[in-house]
Protein backbone atom coordinates (compact mmCIF):
# COMPACT_ATOMS: atom_id res chain seq x y z
CA MET A 1 122.81 113.92 99.81
CA ASN A 2 121.66 115.67 96.69
CA LEU A 3 120.79 119.30 97.41
CA ASN A 4 119.27 119.72 93.94
CA ALA A 5 117.03 116.68 94.13
CA LYS A 6 113.85 118.29 92.81
CA ARG A 7 115.60 120.07 89.96
CA GLN A 8 117.26 116.83 88.90
CA GLY A 9 113.98 114.93 88.77
CA THR A 10 113.68 113.20 92.14
CA THR A 11 110.11 112.03 92.61
CA PRO A 12 108.25 110.53 95.55
CA LEU A 13 108.33 106.77 95.93
CA CYS A 14 105.79 104.98 93.75
CA LEU A 15 103.24 103.82 96.28
CA GLN A 16 99.62 102.87 96.20
CA ASN A 17 97.40 105.85 96.89
CA THR A 18 96.71 105.58 100.60
CA ARG A 19 95.82 109.22 101.16
CA GLU A 20 92.28 108.44 102.32
CA LYS A 21 93.64 106.08 104.96
CA ASN A 22 96.17 108.55 106.34
CA THR A 23 94.31 111.85 106.39
CA LEU A 24 92.33 113.50 109.11
CA GLN A 25 88.83 112.06 109.46
CA HIS A 26 85.69 114.01 110.41
CA GLN A 27 83.19 112.40 112.75
CA GLY A 28 80.32 114.79 113.24
CA ASP A 29 81.90 118.04 114.39
CA LYS A 30 85.00 116.38 115.85
CA LEU A 31 88.29 116.09 114.02
CA THR A 32 89.95 112.70 114.56
CA GLN A 33 93.61 112.04 113.80
CA PHE A 34 95.11 108.72 112.88
CA ALA A 35 97.54 107.19 115.37
CA VAL A 36 101.22 107.53 114.54
CA ASN A 37 102.50 104.36 116.17
CA GLY A 38 104.22 101.21 114.98
CA LEU A 39 105.69 100.48 111.57
CA GLN A 40 104.47 102.67 108.71
CA GLU A 41 105.92 100.93 105.66
CA HIS A 42 105.40 101.91 102.00
CA GLN A 43 102.75 104.51 102.87
CA GLN A 44 101.98 108.01 101.76
CA PHE A 45 101.31 110.82 104.22
CA ILE A 46 100.20 114.08 102.62
CA GLY A 47 99.02 117.11 104.58
CA GLN A 48 99.24 115.49 108.01
CA HIS A 49 99.28 117.71 111.11
CA ILE A 50 100.12 115.67 114.19
CA GLN A 51 99.85 117.59 117.46
CA SER A 52 100.32 116.78 121.15
CA GLN A 53 100.03 113.01 120.88
CA PRO A 54 102.52 110.28 121.69
CA VAL A 55 104.59 109.19 118.72
CA LYS A 56 106.52 105.93 118.67
CA ALA A 57 106.85 105.00 115.03
CA ILE A 58 109.13 103.87 112.24
CA PHE A 59 108.51 105.26 108.77
CA PHE A 60 110.19 103.03 106.18
CA ARG A 61 110.18 103.83 102.46
CA SER A 62 107.28 106.22 102.88
CA ASN A 63 106.41 109.66 101.52
CA LEU A 64 105.89 112.50 104.01
CA ILE A 65 104.74 115.56 102.11
CA ASN A 66 103.42 118.88 103.49
CA SER A 67 103.18 117.52 107.02
CA SER A 68 103.87 118.95 110.47
CA PHE A 69 104.50 117.75 114.01
CA ASN A 70 103.61 120.18 116.83
CA LYS A 71 104.40 120.05 120.57
CA ILE A 72 105.55 116.43 120.71
CA LEU A 73 108.00 114.65 122.99
CA PHE A 74 108.99 111.75 120.73
CA ALA A 75 109.28 108.37 122.44
CA ASN A 76 110.91 107.16 119.22
CA LEU A 77 110.67 108.29 115.60
CA THR A 78 112.75 106.77 112.82
CA LEU A 79 112.53 108.02 109.24
CA ASN A 80 114.40 105.47 107.12
CA ARG A 81 114.71 105.73 103.34
CA CYS A 82 111.79 108.14 103.12
CA TYR A 83 110.96 110.91 100.67
CA LEU A 84 110.52 114.14 102.67
CA GLU A 85 109.08 117.34 101.27
CA ASN A 86 107.96 120.40 103.22
CA LEU A 87 108.19 118.74 106.65
CA ILE A 88 107.90 120.96 109.76
CA PHE A 89 108.56 120.24 113.44
CA GLU A 90 107.47 122.89 115.99
CA ASP A 91 108.11 122.89 119.76
CA CYS A 92 109.26 119.25 119.73
CA VAL A 93 111.90 117.36 121.68
CA MET A 94 113.90 115.57 118.98
CA ARG A 95 116.25 113.49 121.17
CA ASN A 96 114.82 110.15 120.01
CA VAL A 97 114.47 111.04 116.31
CA TRP A 98 116.54 109.35 113.58
CA PHE A 99 116.80 110.49 109.96
CA SER A 100 118.57 107.87 107.86
CA TYR A 101 119.10 107.63 104.11
CA CYS A 102 116.21 110.01 103.36
CA VAL A 103 115.67 111.96 100.15
CA ILE A 104 114.96 115.51 101.29
CA VAL A 105 113.68 117.78 98.53
CA GLN A 106 113.05 120.90 100.65
CA PRO A 107 114.88 121.44 103.91
CA VAL A 108 113.15 120.13 107.05
CA VAL A 109 112.16 123.10 109.23
CA LEU A 110 112.62 122.81 113.01
CA ARG A 111 111.13 125.70 115.04
CA ARG A 112 111.78 126.10 118.76
CA CYS A 113 112.82 122.44 119.07
CA ASN A 114 115.35 120.81 121.37
CA VAL A 115 117.50 118.92 118.86
CA ALA A 116 120.21 117.66 121.23
CA GLY A 117 120.69 113.97 120.49
CA MET A 118 118.84 113.95 117.16
CA ARG A 119 120.61 111.53 114.83
CA LEU A 120 121.40 112.08 111.15
CA LEU A 121 122.67 109.02 109.29
CA ASN A 122 123.75 109.74 105.72
CA VAL A 123 121.69 112.93 105.75
CA HIS A 124 123.48 116.27 105.62
CA ARG A 125 122.86 118.93 108.26
CA ARG A 126 122.37 121.51 105.50
CA MET A 127 119.02 119.87 104.74
CA PHE A 128 117.65 121.17 108.07
CA VAL A 129 116.65 124.71 109.01
CA PHE A 130 117.00 125.38 112.74
CA GLU A 131 114.85 128.32 113.87
CA GLU A 132 115.29 129.22 117.56
CA CYS A 133 116.36 125.64 118.40
CA THR A 134 118.46 124.51 121.33
CA GLY A 135 121.14 121.81 121.28
CA VAL A 136 122.17 122.28 117.65
CA GLY A 137 125.80 121.66 118.59
CA GLU A 138 124.85 118.27 120.06
CA LEU A 139 123.49 116.63 116.89
CA LEU A 140 124.80 113.14 116.21
CA ILE A 141 125.90 112.99 112.58
CA SER A 142 127.39 109.97 110.85
């Protein structure tokens, strides 16, 4: 894992601009979020704030930039070969979360999360900031 990725010129994956599809939508006075389920392949997620909804998804070769996940018990979340920048998880249970072969430009911040059983495949633990987390000693790293 390259800890100096941004300085050495790492850029997000070249994808079609799908920001309109994957941002929060306004309907009248109500704020509607897109569903984070199924396979999200070759997509771009910028400024997403997912909160208190079920998440069972696979992100493959996607960009997740300036996004956050709040108060979520993940049924399954796999981030495979993604570009991650300024990603935040707060009050989440990360047991069923996989990070594999991701390019992480800024460390992923985990606040008050239970990270026991979170899996890191070819991603270094130094790319994660654990703030008041439990189960840090039980990460699965390979």
